[in-house]
Amino acid sequence: MIDYKEYWEKGMEYSAYRELVDSLIEEGKSTGPEQSQALLNYSKLNQQRMRRLEKTIKPEQLDGIDGRNARVNYILTITEGWCGDASQIVPVIEKFAEHTGMDSRFLLRDENLDLMDTHLINGGRSIPVILFLNDDFEVVHQWGPRPAPLQQLVMEYKHAPEPKPPYSEFSKDVQLWYAKDKQQHMLQEWTDLLED
């Protein structure tokens, strides 16, 4: 049985999560136990994406999102600094939490595998996973690892017959999708969850 309150208390506020990612990059490291030049490079790229989003998410993008849902008070996000999807989503969920008056915290996937393995997506440890919790720290909704239209594209790529372009090429299409979407789908999906 997962004690979500315990995980919540263990979670980092957004500023602490960002400071952790930044300080690890300065040391030439990424989050998580596995270390490689590739993961460090992803982390650096994601650091730039998060900084850009922190500056470019406009308050008017959150207009029409009605504050706090009576059943949801906390947002707990499972993430890692090297994850490309997380870099596009984590800054937005923080702004969403601020706008709706909810508290948010962030946990690293590979340090919290019991929690992660309770929330597998299609049998995998895909992140980010966003857990919307009530006052009793029970999961009301789960969302992730990416907006539905993009998830469909990713699944089509994964199940496409060989030969297919390498994932490094496909991941550029993923980031392009995020740039064109400008957070619209994720904000709408989260709003729909709160209204449910």
N, C-alpha and C. Protein backbone atom coordinates (compact mmCIF):
# COMPACT_ATOMS: atom_id res chain seq x y z
N MET A 1 0.85 -1.20 0.00
CA MET A 1 0.00 0.00 0.00
C MET A 1 0.89 1.25 0.00
N ILE A 2 0.67 2.12 -0.95
CA ILE A 2 1.46 3.34 -1.08
C ILE A 2 0.94 4.41 -0.11
N ASP A 3 1.85 4.99 0.65
CA ASP A 3 1.52 6.10 1.53
C ASP A 3 1.85 7.40 0.78
N TYR A 4 0.83 7.96 0.13
CA TYR A 4 1.05 9.14 -0.71
C TYR A 4 1.43 10.36 0.12
N LYS A 5 0.95 10.40 1.35
CA LYS A 5 1.33 11.54 2.20
C LYS A 5 2.83 11.51 2.48
N GLU A 6 3.36 10.32 2.70
CA GLU A 6 4.80 10.19 2.94
C GLU A 6 5.59 10.64 1.70
N TYR A 7 5.13 10.23 0.53
CA TYR A 7 5.80 10.66 -0.70
C TYR A 7 5.66 12.17 -0.89
N TRP A 8 4.49 12.70 -0.56
CA TRP A 8 4.28 14.14 -0.68
C TRP A 8 5.30 14.90 0.19
N GLU A 9 5.43 14.45 1.42
CA GLU A 9 6.34 15.12 2.35
C GLU A 9 7.79 15.02 1.90
N LYS A 10 8.10 13.96 1.18
CA LYS A 10 9.44 13.75 0.66
C LYS A 10 9.70 14.59 -0.60
N GLY A 11 8.64 15.01 -1.26
CA GLY A 11 8.75 15.74 -2.52
C GLY A 11 9.40 17.10 -2.37
N MET A 12 9.94 17.59 -3.48
CA MET A 12 10.60 18.90 -3.52
C MET A 12 9.65 19.94 -4.09
N GLU A 13 9.77 21.15 -3.59
CA GLU A 13 9.09 22.25 -4.26
C GLU A 13 9.80 22.50 -5.59
N TYR A 14 9.13 23.21 -6.48
CA TYR A 14 9.67 23.42 -7.83
C TYR A 14 11.05 24.06 -7.79
N SER A 15 11.22 25.08 -6.95
CA SER A 15 12.51 25.78 -6.89
C SER A 15 13.63 24.83 -6.48
N ALA A 16 13.33 23.92 -5.55
CA ALA A 16 14.35 22.96 -5.10
C ALA A 16 14.67 21.95 -6.21
N TYR A 17 13.65 21.53 -6.93
CA TYR A 17 13.86 20.61 -8.06
C TYR A 17 14.76 21.27 -9.11
N ARG A 18 14.46 22.51 -9.45
CA ARG A 18 15.25 23.21 -10.46
C ARG A 18 16.69 23.42 -9.98
N GLU A 19 16.84 23.77 -8.70
CA GLU A 19 18.18 23.96 -8.15
C GLU A 19 18.97 22.65 -8.20
N LEU A 20 18.30 21.54 -7.91
CA LEU A 20 18.96 20.24 -7.95
C LEU A 20 19.44 19.92 -9.37
N VAL A 21 18.56 20.09 -10.34
CA VAL A 21 18.93 19.81 -11.74
C VAL A 21 20.11 20.69 -12.15
N ASP A 22 20.02 21.98 -11.82
CA ASP A 22 21.08 22.92 -12.21
C ASP A 22 22.41 22.58 -11.54
N SER A 23 22.37 22.26 -10.24
CA SER A 23 23.63 21.97 -9.53
C SER A 23 24.27 20.68 -10.03
N LEU A 24 23.45 19.68 -10.36
CA LEU A 24 23.99 18.44 -10.91
C LEU A 24 24.65 18.69 -12.27
N ILE A 25 24.02 19.52 -13.10
CA ILE A 25 24.60 19.84 -14.40
C ILE A 25 25.95 20.52 -14.22
N GLU A 26 26.05 21.42 -13.25
CA GLU A 26 27.33 22.09 -12.97
C GLU A 26 28.42 21.08 -12.59
N GLU A 27 27.99 19.97 -11.96
CA GLU A 27 28.94 18.91 -11.58
C GLU A 27 29.18 17.92 -12.72
N GLY A 28 28.52 18.15 -13.85
CA GLY A 28 28.66 17.24 -14.98
C GLY A 28 27.83 15.98 -14.83
N LYS A 29 26.69 16.10 -14.12
CA LYS A 29 25.83 14.94 -13.85
C LYS A 29 24.40 15.21 -14.25
N SER A 30 23.64 14.12 -14.34
CA SER A 30 22.19 14.21 -14.53
C SER A 30 21.53 13.63 -13.27
N THR A 31 20.23 13.79 -13.16
CA THR A 31 19.52 13.12 -12.07
C THR A 31 19.53 11.62 -12.33
N GLY A 32 19.31 10.84 -11.28
CA GLY A 32 19.22 9.39 -11.42
C GLY A 32 20.54 8.68 -11.26
N PRO A 33 20.48 7.37 -11.02
CA PRO A 33 21.69 6.59 -10.77
C PRO A 33 22.55 6.37 -12.01
N GLU A 34 21.91 6.33 -13.17
CA GLU A 34 22.66 6.10 -14.41
C GLU A 34 23.26 7.43 -14.87
N GLN A 35 24.55 7.42 -15.17
CA GLN A 35 25.22 8.63 -15.64
C GLN A 35 25.87 8.35 -16.99
N SER A 36 25.66 9.28 -17.93
CA SER A 36 26.31 9.15 -19.24
C SER A 36 26.38 10.54 -19.86
N GLN A 37 27.21 10.67 -20.86
CA GLN A 37 27.30 11.94 -21.57
C GLN A 37 25.98 12.27 -22.24
N ALA A 38 25.29 11.25 -22.76
CA ALA A 38 24.00 11.48 -23.43
C ALA A 38 22.98 12.04 -22.45
N LEU A 39 22.90 11.44 -21.25
CA LEU A 39 21.94 11.94 -20.25
C LEU A 39 22.29 13.36 -19.80
N LEU A 40 23.57 13.64 -19.67
CA LEU A 40 24.00 15.00 -19.32
C LEU A 40 23.60 15.98 -20.42
N ASN A 41 23.81 15.58 -21.67
CA ASN A 41 23.43 16.46 -22.79
C ASN A 41 21.93 16.72 -22.81
N TYR A 42 21.12 15.66 -22.58
CA TYR A 42 19.67 15.83 -22.50
C TYR A 42 19.32 16.79 -21.37
N SER A 43 19.98 16.62 -20.22
CA SER A 43 19.70 17.47 -19.07
C SER A 43 19.98 18.93 -19.38
N LYS A 44 21.09 19.19 -20.06
CA LYS A 44 21.43 20.57 -20.42
C LYS A 44 20.39 21.17 -21.37
N LEU A 45 19.98 20.38 -22.35
CA LEU A 45 18.96 20.84 -23.29
C LEU A 45 17.65 21.11 -22.56
N ASN A 46 17.30 20.22 -21.65
CA ASN A 46 16.05 20.36 -20.89
C ASN A 46 16.10 21.55 -19.95
N GLN A 47 17.28 21.83 -19.40
CA GLN A 47 17.46 23.00 -18.55
C GLN A 47 17.11 24.27 -19.34
N GLN A 48 17.56 24.34 -20.59
CA GLN A 48 17.25 25.48 -21.45
C GLN A 48 15.75 25.56 -21.74
N ARG A 49 15.14 24.40 -22.00
CA ARG A 49 13.70 24.38 -22.28
C ARG A 49 12.91 24.88 -21.07
N MET A 50 13.28 24.40 -19.88
CA MET A 50 12.55 24.81 -18.68
C MET A 50 12.71 26.31 -18.43
N ARG A 51 13.91 26.82 -18.60
CA ARG A 51 14.13 28.27 -18.43
C ARG A 51 13.27 29.07 -19.40
N ARG A 52 13.23 28.60 -20.64
CA ARG A 52 12.43 29.30 -21.66
C ARG A 52 10.95 29.28 -21.28
N LEU A 53 10.45 28.11 -20.87
CA LEU A 53 9.04 28.01 -20.51
C LEU A 53 8.70 28.86 -19.29
N GLU A 54 9.60 28.90 -18.33
CA GLU A 54 9.36 29.72 -17.13
C GLU A 54 9.14 31.18 -17.51
N LYS A 55 9.80 31.63 -18.57
CA LYS A 55 9.68 33.01 -19.01
C LYS A 55 8.53 33.24 -19.97
N THR A 56 8.15 32.20 -20.71
CA THR A 56 7.19 32.42 -21.81
C THR A 56 5.76 31.98 -21.52
N ILE A 57 5.53 31.22 -20.46
CA ILE A 57 4.14 30.84 -20.15
C ILE A 57 3.42 32.11 -19.71
N LYS A 58 2.37 32.43 -20.42
CA LYS A 58 1.65 33.68 -20.18
C LYS A 58 0.47 33.43 -19.23
N PRO A 59 0.22 34.36 -18.30
CA PRO A 59 -0.93 34.19 -17.40
C PRO A 59 -2.24 34.01 -18.15
N GLU A 60 -2.36 34.69 -19.32
CA GLU A 60 -3.62 34.57 -20.06
C GLU A 60 -3.85 33.15 -20.59
N GLN A 61 -2.76 32.36 -20.71
CA GLN A 61 -2.94 30.97 -21.12
C GLN A 61 -3.74 30.20 -20.07
N LEU A 62 -3.73 30.70 -18.84
CA LEU A 62 -4.43 30.03 -17.73
C LEU A 62 -5.81 30.61 -17.49
N ASP A 63 -6.17 31.66 -18.25
CA ASP A 63 -7.52 32.22 -18.12
C ASP A 63 -8.54 31.14 -18.46
N GLY A 64 -9.63 31.16 -17.73
CA GLY A 64 -10.67 30.16 -17.98
C GLY A 64 -10.48 28.90 -17.17
N ILE A 65 -9.33 28.77 -16.51
CA ILE A 65 -9.13 27.64 -15.61
C ILE A 65 -9.62 28.10 -14.24
N ASP A 66 -10.68 27.47 -13.77
CA ASP A 66 -11.34 27.94 -12.55
C ASP A 66 -10.63 27.50 -11.32
N GLY A 67 -9.74 27.99 -10.75
CA GLY A 67 -9.26 27.66 -9.42
C GLY A 67 -9.37 26.22 -8.96
N ARG A 68 -9.36 26.09 -7.70
CA ARG A 68 -9.23 24.80 -7.04
C ARG A 68 -10.48 23.95 -7.19
N ASN A 69 -10.28 22.71 -7.52
CA ASN A 69 -11.34 21.72 -7.51
C ASN A 69 -11.49 21.24 -6.06
N ALA A 70 -12.72 21.09 -5.63
CA ALA A 70 -12.96 20.73 -4.22
C ALA A 70 -12.31 19.40 -3.85
N ARG A 71 -12.11 18.52 -4.84
CA ARG A 71 -11.56 17.20 -4.53
C ARG A 71 -10.05 17.12 -4.69
N VAL A 72 -9.44 18.11 -5.31
CA VAL A 72 -7.99 18.04 -5.58
C VAL A 72 -7.30 19.22 -4.90
N ASN A 73 -6.31 18.91 -4.06
CA ASN A 73 -5.60 19.96 -3.33
C ASN A 73 -4.10 19.95 -3.56
N TYR A 74 -3.60 18.79 -4.02
CA TYR A 74 -2.15 18.63 -4.17
C TYR A 74 -1.83 18.03 -5.53
N ILE A 75 -0.70 18.44 -6.08
CA ILE A 75 -0.22 17.87 -7.35
C ILE A 75 1.19 17.34 -7.11
N LEU A 76 1.35 16.02 -7.27
CA LEU A 76 2.64 15.36 -7.07
C LEU A 76 3.11 14.83 -8.42
N THR A 77 4.28 15.28 -8.86
CA THR A 77 4.79 14.92 -10.19
C THR A 77 6.05 14.07 -10.06
N ILE A 78 6.04 12.93 -10.76
CA ILE A 78 7.21 12.04 -10.83
C ILE A 78 7.97 12.42 -12.10
N THR A 79 9.26 12.72 -11.97
CA THR A 79 10.01 13.29 -13.09
C THR A 79 11.49 12.92 -13.00
N GLU A 80 12.26 13.34 -13.97
CA GLU A 80 13.73 13.29 -13.96
C GLU A 80 14.22 14.44 -14.82
N GLY A 81 15.39 14.96 -14.51
CA GLY A 81 15.94 16.10 -15.23
C GLY A 81 16.31 15.82 -16.67
N TRP A 82 16.58 14.55 -17.01
CA TRP A 82 17.00 14.20 -18.37
C TRP A 82 15.84 13.93 -19.31
N CYS A 83 14.62 13.94 -18.79
CA CYS A 83 13.44 13.55 -19.59
C CYS A 83 12.93 14.73 -20.42
N GLY A 84 12.94 14.56 -21.74
CA GLY A 84 12.49 15.61 -22.65
C GLY A 84 11.04 16.01 -22.45
N ASP A 85 10.15 15.04 -22.26
CA ASP A 85 8.74 15.38 -22.03
C ASP A 85 8.60 16.16 -20.72
N ALA A 86 9.31 15.73 -19.69
CA ALA A 86 9.22 16.41 -18.40
C ALA A 86 9.64 17.87 -18.52
N SER A 87 10.65 18.14 -19.33
CA SER A 87 11.12 19.53 -19.46
C SER A 87 10.04 20.43 -20.05
N GLN A 88 9.14 19.85 -20.85
CA GLN A 88 8.06 20.62 -21.47
C GLN A 88 6.83 20.72 -20.56
N ILE A 89 6.75 19.84 -19.57
CA ILE A 89 5.54 19.73 -18.76
C ILE A 89 5.71 20.25 -17.34
N VAL A 90 6.86 19.97 -16.72
CA VAL A 90 7.07 20.32 -15.31
C VAL A 90 6.90 21.83 -15.05
N PRO A 91 7.49 22.73 -15.85
CA PRO A 91 7.27 24.16 -15.57
C PRO A 91 5.80 24.57 -15.73
N VAL A 92 5.09 23.89 -16.63
CA VAL A 92 3.69 24.23 -16.88
C VAL A 92 2.82 23.75 -15.72
N ILE A 93 3.09 22.55 -15.21
CA ILE A 93 2.27 22.07 -14.08
C ILE A 93 2.51 22.95 -12.86
N GLU A 94 3.71 23.48 -12.71
CA GLU A 94 3.97 24.40 -11.58
C GLU A 94 3.15 25.67 -11.73
N LYS A 95 3.11 26.26 -12.94
CA LYS A 95 2.30 27.47 -13.17
C LYS A 95 0.81 27.15 -12.99
N PHE A 96 0.40 25.99 -13.44
CA PHE A 96 -1.00 25.54 -13.29
C PHE A 96 -1.34 25.44 -11.81
N ALA A 97 -0.46 24.84 -11.02
CA ALA A 97 -0.70 24.70 -9.58
C ALA A 97 -0.80 26.08 -8.92
N GLU A 98 0.13 26.97 -9.27
CA GLU A 98 0.09 28.32 -8.71
C GLU A 98 -1.23 29.00 -9.04
N HIS A 99 -1.66 28.89 -10.30
CA HIS A 99 -2.87 29.56 -10.76
C HIS A 99 -4.12 29.02 -10.06
N THR A 100 -4.15 27.72 -9.83
CA THR A 100 -5.34 27.10 -9.24
C THR A 100 -5.30 27.10 -7.71
N GLY A 101 -4.18 27.55 -7.13
CA GLY A 101 -4.08 27.60 -5.67
C GLY A 101 -3.76 26.25 -5.04
N MET A 102 -3.28 25.32 -5.83
CA MET A 102 -2.91 24.01 -5.29
C MET A 102 -1.44 24.00 -4.94
N ASP A 103 -1.07 23.09 -4.07
CA ASP A 103 0.33 22.90 -3.74
C ASP A 103 0.91 21.85 -4.68
N SER A 104 2.17 22.03 -5.06
CA SER A 104 2.80 21.04 -5.95
C SER A 104 4.14 20.62 -5.38
N ARG A 105 4.49 19.37 -5.66
CA ARG A 105 5.80 18.83 -5.28
C ARG A 105 6.27 17.91 -6.39
N PHE A 106 7.59 17.67 -6.38
CA PHE A 106 8.22 16.88 -7.44
C PHE A 106 9.12 15.83 -6.82
N LEU A 107 9.06 14.63 -7.40
CA LEU A 107 9.88 13.50 -6.95
C LEU A 107 10.65 12.93 -8.13
N LEU A 108 11.87 12.46 -7.87
CA LEU A 108 12.63 11.80 -8.92
C LEU A 108 12.19 10.35 -9.05
N ARG A 109 11.94 9.95 -10.27
CA ARG A 109 11.46 8.60 -10.54
C ARG A 109 12.36 7.52 -9.96
N ASP A 110 13.65 7.61 -10.26
CA ASP A 110 14.55 6.49 -9.94
C ASP A 110 14.89 6.40 -8.46
N GLU A 111 14.51 7.41 -7.69
CA GLU A 111 14.66 7.34 -6.24
C GLU A 111 13.37 6.89 -5.57
N ASN A 112 12.32 6.70 -6.36
CA ASN A 112 11.00 6.39 -5.82
C ASN A 112 10.30 5.33 -6.69
N LEU A 113 11.00 4.21 -6.88
CA LEU A 113 10.49 3.19 -7.81
C LEU A 113 9.23 2.50 -7.31
N ASP A 114 9.04 2.39 -5.99
CA ASP A 114 7.79 1.81 -5.49
C ASP A 114 6.60 2.64 -5.96
N LEU A 115 6.74 3.95 -5.85
CA LEU A 115 5.67 4.84 -6.31
C LEU A 115 5.52 4.75 -7.83
N MET A 116 6.64 4.83 -8.54
CA MET A 116 6.60 4.77 -10.00
C MET A 116 5.95 3.48 -10.47
N ASP A 117 6.30 2.38 -9.86
CA ASP A 117 5.80 1.08 -10.32
C ASP A 117 4.32 0.88 -10.00
N THR A 118 3.75 1.74 -9.19
CA THR A 118 2.31 1.73 -8.95
C THR A 118 1.59 2.50 -10.05
N HIS A 119 2.33 3.29 -10.81
CA HIS A 119 1.73 4.16 -11.82
C HIS A 119 2.39 3.97 -13.20
N LEU A 120 2.65 2.71 -13.55
CA LEU A 120 3.23 2.41 -14.86
C LEU A 120 2.26 2.81 -15.97
N ILE A 121 2.81 3.19 -17.09
CA ILE A 121 1.99 3.55 -18.25
C ILE A 121 2.33 2.56 -19.35
N ASN A 122 1.33 1.80 -19.77
CA ASN A 122 1.53 0.72 -20.75
C ASN A 122 2.66 -0.21 -20.31
N GLY A 123 2.75 -0.45 -19.00
CA GLY A 123 3.75 -1.37 -18.47
C GLY A 123 5.14 -0.79 -18.33
N GLY A 124 5.32 0.51 -18.66
CA GLY A 124 6.64 1.12 -18.60
C GLY A 124 6.72 2.26 -17.59
N ARG A 125 7.94 2.62 -17.26
CA ARG A 125 8.18 3.71 -16.29
C ARG A 125 8.25 5.06 -17.00
N SER A 126 7.25 5.33 -17.81
CA SER A 126 7.21 6.58 -18.57
C SER A 126 6.93 7.75 -17.64
N ILE A 127 7.65 8.85 -17.87
CA ILE A 127 7.46 10.05 -17.08
C ILE A 127 7.37 11.26 -18.01
N PRO A 128 6.81 12.35 -17.49
CA PRO A 128 6.34 12.54 -16.13
C PRO A 128 4.99 11.89 -15.89
N VAL A 129 4.74 11.58 -14.63
CA VAL A 129 3.43 11.14 -14.17
C VAL A 129 2.97 12.18 -13.16
N ILE A 130 1.79 12.72 -13.38
CA ILE A 130 1.24 13.74 -12.50
C ILE A 130 0.08 13.12 -11.73
N LEU A 131 0.17 13.19 -10.40
CA LEU A 131 -0.86 12.64 -9.52
C LEU A 131 -1.59 13.80 -8.86
N PHE A 132 -2.89 13.85 -9.07
CA PHE A 132 -3.74 14.86 -8.44
C PHE A 132 -4.32 14.22 -7.18
N LEU A 133 -4.01 14.80 -6.02
CA LEU A 133 -4.36 14.21 -4.73
C LEU A 133 -5.39 15.06 -3.99
N ASN A 134 -6.22 14.37 -3.18
CA ASN A 134 -7.19 15.11 -2.37
C ASN A 134 -6.60 15.43 -0.99
N ASP A 135 -7.41 15.98 -0.12
CA ASP A 135 -6.97 16.36 1.23
C ASP A 135 -6.45 15.19 2.04
N ASP A 136 -6.94 13.99 1.73
CA ASP A 136 -6.50 12.78 2.44
C ASP A 136 -5.31 12.12 1.75
N PHE A 137 -4.72 12.81 0.78
CA PHE A 137 -3.58 12.30 0.01
C PHE A 137 -3.91 10.99 -0.70
N GLU A 138 -5.11 10.97 -1.28
CA GLU A 138 -5.53 9.86 -2.14
C GLU A 138 -5.50 10.35 -3.58
N VAL A 139 -5.15 9.46 -4.50
CA VAL A 139 -5.08 9.85 -5.91
C VAL A 139 -6.50 9.97 -6.47
N VAL A 140 -6.82 11.17 -6.94
CA VAL A 140 -8.11 11.42 -7.57
C VAL A 140 -7.98 11.23 -9.09
N HIS A 141 -6.86 11.71 -9.65
CA HIS A 141 -6.59 11.58 -11.09
C HIS A 141 -5.10 11.34 -11.30
N GLN A 142 -4.80 10.65 -12.39
CA GLN A 142 -3.42 10.48 -12.84
C GLN A 142 -3.35 10.95 -14.28
N TRP A 143 -2.25 11.64 -14.61
CA TRP A 143 -2.06 12.13 -15.98
C TRP A 143 -0.61 11.90 -16.38
N GLY A 144 -0.40 11.59 -17.64
CA GLY A 144 0.96 11.47 -18.15
C GLY A 144 1.06 10.34 -19.15
N PRO A 145 2.18 10.24 -19.80
CA PRO A 145 3.39 11.04 -19.67
C PRO A 145 3.43 12.26 -20.59
N ARG A 146 2.38 12.43 -21.41
CA ARG A 146 2.37 13.56 -22.35
C ARG A 146 0.93 13.76 -22.81
N PRO A 147 0.62 14.91 -23.45
CA PRO A 147 -0.75 15.14 -23.94
C PRO A 147 -1.21 14.03 -24.89
N ALA A 148 -2.51 13.76 -24.86
CA ALA A 148 -3.08 12.62 -25.60
C ALA A 148 -2.72 12.59 -27.08
N PRO A 149 -2.82 13.70 -27.83
CA PRO A 149 -2.47 13.61 -29.26
C PRO A 149 -1.00 13.24 -29.48
N LEU A 150 -0.13 13.74 -28.63
CA LEU A 150 1.29 13.42 -28.76
C LEU A 150 1.54 11.98 -28.32
N GLN A 151 0.85 11.53 -27.28
CA GLN A 151 1.00 10.13 -26.85
C GLN A 151 0.62 9.19 -27.99
N GLN A 152 -0.41 9.55 -28.72
CA GLN A 152 -0.82 8.72 -29.86
C GLN A 152 0.29 8.66 -30.92
N LEU A 153 0.91 9.81 -31.20
CA LEU A 153 2.01 9.82 -32.17
C LEU A 153 3.18 8.96 -31.70
N VAL A 154 3.49 9.04 -30.39
CA VAL A 154 4.59 8.25 -29.84
C VAL A 154 4.28 6.76 -29.95
N MET A 155 3.04 6.37 -29.64
CA MET A 155 2.68 4.95 -29.72
C MET A 155 2.72 4.47 -31.17
N GLU A 156 2.31 5.31 -32.10
CA GLU A 156 2.38 4.93 -33.52
C GLU A 156 3.83 4.73 -33.93
N TYR A 157 4.71 5.59 -33.46
CA TYR A 157 6.14 5.44 -33.77
C TYR A 157 6.66 4.12 -33.20
N LYS A 158 6.32 3.85 -31.93
CA LYS A 158 6.83 2.64 -31.27
C LYS A 158 6.37 1.37 -31.98
N HIS A 159 5.15 1.39 -32.53
CA HIS A 159 4.60 0.20 -33.17
C HIS A 159 4.78 0.19 -34.68
N ALA A 160 5.45 1.20 -35.21
CA ALA A 160 5.68 1.25 -36.66
C ALA A 160 6.65 0.14 -37.07
N PRO A 161 6.44 -0.43 -38.25
CA PRO A 161 7.36 -1.48 -38.71
C PRO A 161 8.75 -0.91 -39.01
N GLU A 162 9.73 -1.77 -38.90
CA GLU A 162 11.11 -1.39 -39.27
C GLU A 162 11.19 -1.38 -40.80
N PRO A 163 12.02 -0.60 -41.42
CA PRO A 163 12.90 0.38 -40.78
C PRO A 163 12.13 1.66 -40.47
N LYS A 164 12.46 2.28 -39.37
CA LYS A 164 11.88 3.58 -39.03
C LYS A 164 13.03 4.49 -38.59
N PRO A 165 12.79 5.79 -38.61
CA PRO A 165 13.88 6.70 -38.23
C PRO A 165 14.31 6.45 -36.79
N PRO A 166 15.58 6.70 -36.47
CA PRO A 166 16.02 6.51 -35.08
C PRO A 166 15.23 7.42 -34.15
N TYR A 167 15.13 7.01 -32.87
CA TYR A 167 14.33 7.79 -31.91
C TYR A 167 14.88 9.21 -31.78
N SER A 168 16.18 9.38 -31.93
CA SER A 168 16.77 10.73 -31.82
C SER A 168 16.17 11.66 -32.87
N GLU A 169 15.83 11.12 -34.04
CA GLU A 169 15.18 11.93 -35.08
C GLU A 169 13.73 12.18 -34.72
N PHE A 170 13.05 11.11 -34.29
CA PHE A 170 11.64 11.25 -33.92
C PHE A 170 11.47 12.22 -32.76
N SER A 171 12.41 12.22 -31.81
CA SER A 171 12.29 13.11 -30.64
C SER A 171 12.30 14.58 -31.05
N LYS A 172 12.93 14.89 -32.18
CA LYS A 172 12.88 16.27 -32.68
C LYS A 172 11.45 16.63 -33.08
N ASP A 173 10.74 15.65 -33.68
CA ASP A 173 9.33 15.87 -34.03
C ASP A 173 8.49 16.09 -32.78
N VAL A 174 8.82 15.35 -31.71
CA VAL A 174 8.11 15.49 -30.44
C VAL A 174 8.28 16.91 -29.90
N GLN A 175 9.51 17.40 -29.89
CA GLN A 175 9.76 18.75 -29.37
C GLN A 175 9.12 19.81 -30.25
N LEU A 176 9.08 19.56 -31.55
CA LEU A 176 8.40 20.48 -32.46
C LEU A 176 6.91 20.52 -32.17
N TRP A 177 6.34 19.36 -31.86
CA TRP A 177 4.91 19.29 -31.50
C TRP A 177 4.64 20.18 -30.29
N TYR A 178 5.49 20.06 -29.26
CA TYR A 178 5.31 20.90 -28.07
C TYR A 178 5.39 22.38 -28.43
N ALA A 179 6.35 22.75 -29.26
CA ALA A 179 6.53 24.16 -29.62
C ALA A 179 5.30 24.71 -30.34
N LYS A 180 4.73 23.91 -31.24
CA LYS A 180 3.55 24.36 -31.98
C LYS A 180 2.30 24.39 -31.10
N ASP A 181 2.20 23.45 -30.18
CA ASP A 181 1.00 23.33 -29.34
C ASP A 181 0.90 24.44 -28.30
N LYS A 182 2.05 24.95 -27.85
CA LYS A 182 2.09 26.04 -26.85
C LYS A 182 1.27 25.71 -25.60
N GLN A 183 1.41 24.48 -25.12
CA GLN A 183 0.81 24.02 -23.85
C GLN A 183 -0.72 23.89 -23.88
N GLN A 184 -1.34 24.09 -25.04
CA GLN A 184 -2.81 24.10 -25.08
C GLN A 184 -3.42 22.77 -24.66
N HIS A 185 -2.90 21.67 -25.23
CA HIS A 185 -3.52 20.37 -24.93
C HIS A 185 -3.36 19.98 -23.47
N MET A 186 -2.16 20.14 -22.91
CA MET A 186 -1.99 19.71 -21.52
C MET A 186 -2.86 20.54 -20.59
N LEU A 187 -2.91 21.86 -20.80
CA LEU A 187 -3.74 22.70 -19.94
C LEU A 187 -5.21 22.31 -20.05
N GLN A 188 -5.67 22.02 -21.25
CA GLN A 188 -7.06 21.61 -21.44
C GLN A 188 -7.33 20.26 -20.77
N GLU A 189 -6.40 19.33 -20.91
CA GLU A 189 -6.59 18.01 -20.30
C GLU A 189 -6.62 18.11 -18.78
N TRP A 190 -5.74 18.93 -18.20
CA TRP A 190 -5.75 19.08 -16.74
C TRP A 190 -7.04 19.76 -16.27
N THR A 191 -7.48 20.77 -17.03
CA THR A 191 -8.74 21.46 -16.69
C THR A 191 -9.90 20.49 -16.74
N ASP A 192 -9.93 19.65 -17.77
CA ASP A 192 -11.01 18.65 -17.88
C ASP A 192 -10.99 17.68 -16.70
N LEU A 193 -9.78 17.29 -16.26
CA LEU A 193 -9.69 16.40 -15.10
C LEU A 193 -10.28 17.06 -13.86
N LEU A 194 -9.95 18.32 -13.65
CA LEU A 194 -10.45 19.02 -12.46
C LEU A 194 -11.96 19.20 -12.50
N GLU A 195 -12.50 19.32 -13.71
CA GLU A 195 -13.94 19.51 -13.84
C GLU A 195 -14.70 18.20 -13.73
N ASP A 196 -13.97 17.08 -13.81
CA ASP A 196 -14.62 15.76 -13.77
C ASP A 196 -15.19 15.49 -12.39
